[in-house]
Amino acid sequence: MADNGSRGSVGNAGAPLGGVYLMTVVGAAVYFVGEADGFWGVVLGLLKALVWPAFAVYRALELLNL
């Protein structure tokens, strides 16, 4: 197959939002781990930090009656 020199463009338009998401996850982890009691509380806090945006979106849509 001949290479005609044209290549697809791969963008990274979501990169800035990825950084914002990382900061929110770290902030949530600090909060939830600070509120934890014991080892399993810390583990649960870290898991909550990863999934809390899903619960926030669900609640926002629920409030908007969507």
C-alpha atoms as a PDB file:
ATOM      1  CA  MET A   1       0.000   0.000   0.000  1.00  0.00           C
ATOM      2  CA  ALA A   2       1.387   3.373  -1.005  1.00  0.00           C
ATOM      3  CA  ASP A   3       1.801   6.122   1.554  1.00  0.00           C
ATOM      4  CA  ASN A   4       0.458   9.361   0.107  1.00  0.00           C
ATOM      5  CA  GLY A   5       1.767  11.476   2.975  1.00  0.00           C
ATOM      6  CA  SER A   6      -1.609  12.363   4.458  1.00  0.00           C
ATOM      7  CA  ARG A   7      -2.099  11.407   8.037  1.00  0.00           C
ATOM      8  CA  GLY A   8      -5.080  11.832  10.292  1.00  0.00           C
ATOM      9  CA  SER A   9      -4.935  14.473  12.935  1.00  0.00           C
ATOM     10  CA  VAL A  10      -5.170  13.312  16.508  1.00  0.00           C
ATOM     11  CA  GLY A  11      -6.181  16.125  18.820  1.00  0.00           C
ATOM     12  CA  ASN A  12      -6.110  16.501  22.557  1.00  0.00           C
ATOM     13  CA  ALA A  13      -8.929  18.990  23.008  1.00  0.00           C
ATOM     14  CA  GLY A  14     -10.023  17.341  26.266  1.00  0.00           C
ATOM     15  CA  ALA A  15      -6.641  17.644  27.946  1.00  0.00           C
ATOM     16  CA  PRO A  16      -7.393  20.793  29.979  1.00  0.00           C
ATOM     17  CA  LEU A  17     -10.574  19.234  31.347  1.00  0.00           C
ATOM     18  CA  GLY A  18      -8.608  16.134  32.276  1.00  0.00           C
ATOM     19  CA  GLY A  19      -6.441  18.264  34.527  1.00  0.00           C
ATOM     20  CA  VAL A  20      -9.494  19.791  36.175  1.00  0.00           C
ATOM     21  CA  TYR A  21     -10.960  16.320  36.703  1.00  0.00           C
ATOM     22  CA  LEU A  22      -7.683  15.136  38.258  1.00  0.00           C
ATOM     23  CA  MET A  23      -7.687  18.053  40.691  1.00  0.00           C
ATOM     24  CA  THR A  24     -11.281  17.330  41.716  1.00  0.00           C
ATOM     25  CA  VAL A  25     -10.499  13.644  42.268  1.00  0.00           C
ATOM     26  CA  VAL A  26      -7.458  14.512  44.391  1.00  0.00           C
ATOM     27  CA  GLY A  27      -9.473  17.045  46.377  1.00  0.00           C
ATOM     28  CA  ALA A  28     -12.285  14.552  46.921  1.00  0.00           C
ATOM     29  CA  ALA A  29      -9.776  11.889  47.970  1.00  0.00           C
ATOM     30  CA  VAL A  30      -8.247  14.231  50.535  1.00  0.00           C
ATOM     31  CA  TYR A  31     -11.691  15.054  51.900  1.00  0.00           C
ATOM     32  CA  PHE A  32     -13.013  11.485  52.033  1.00  0.00           C
ATOM     33  CA  VAL A  33      -9.784  10.048  53.476  1.00  0.00           C
ATOM     34  CA  GLY A  34      -9.774  12.802  56.115  1.00  0.00           C
ATOM     35  CA  GLU A  35     -13.282  11.754  57.149  1.00  0.00           C
ATOM     36  CA  ALA A  36     -12.438   8.023  57.190  1.00  0.00           C
ATOM     37  CA  ASP A  37     -12.175   5.810  60.245  1.00  0.00           C
ATOM     38  CA  GLY A  38      -9.768   2.915  59.804  1.00  0.00           C
ATOM     39  CA  PHE A  39      -8.269   1.150  56.813  1.00  0.00           C
ATOM     40  CA  TRP A  40     -11.510   0.190  55.082  1.00  0.00           C
ATOM     41  CA  GLY A  41     -12.817   3.705  55.496  1.00  0.00           C
ATOM     42  CA  VAL A  42      -9.765   4.973  53.614  1.00  0.00           C
ATOM     43  CA  VAL A  43     -10.299   2.395  50.856  1.00  0.00           C
ATOM     44  CA  LEU A  44     -13.957   3.375  50.585  1.00  0.00           C
ATOM     45  CA  GLY A  45     -12.979   7.052  50.570  1.00  0.00           C
ATOM     46  CA  LEU A  46     -10.620   6.507  47.636  1.00  0.00           C
ATOM     47  CA  LEU A  47     -13.322   4.659  45.722  1.00  0.00           C
ATOM     48  CA  LYS A  48     -15.815   7.433  46.449  1.00  0.00           C
ATOM     49  CA  ALA A  49     -13.302   9.980  45.164  1.00  0.00           C
ATOM     50  CA  LEU A  50     -13.215   8.194  41.813  1.00  0.00           C
ATOM     51  CA  VAL A  51     -16.974   7.954  41.295  1.00  0.00           C
ATOM     52  CA  TRP A  52     -18.394  11.073  42.981  1.00  0.00           C
ATOM     53  CA  PRO A  53     -18.809  12.976  39.669  1.00  0.00           C
ATOM     54  CA  ALA A  54     -21.285  10.334  38.486  1.00  0.00           C
ATOM     55  CA  PHE A  55     -23.408  10.864  41.594  1.00  0.00           C
ATOM     56  CA  ALA A  56     -23.197  14.655  41.182  1.00  0.00           C
ATOM     57  CA  VAL A  57     -24.391  14.486  37.568  1.00  0.00           C
ATOM     58  CA  TYR A  58     -27.185  12.084  38.505  1.00  0.00           C
ATOM     59  CA  ARG A  59     -28.361  14.406  41.277  1.00  0.00           C
ATOM     60  CA  ALA A  60     -28.183  17.474  39.015  1.00  0.00           C
ATOM     61  CA  LEU A  61     -30.271  15.758  36.344  1.00  0.00           C
ATOM     62  CA  GLU A  62     -32.694  14.605  38.998  1.00  0.00           C
ATOM     63  CA  LEU A  63     -33.129  18.195  40.214  1.00  0.00           C
ATOM     64  CA  LEU A  64     -33.695  19.346  36.613  1.00  0.00           C
ATOM     65  CA  ASN A  65     -36.358  16.636  36.146  1.00  0.00           C
ATOM     66  CA  LEU A  66     -34.575  15.197  33.111  1.00  0.00           C
END
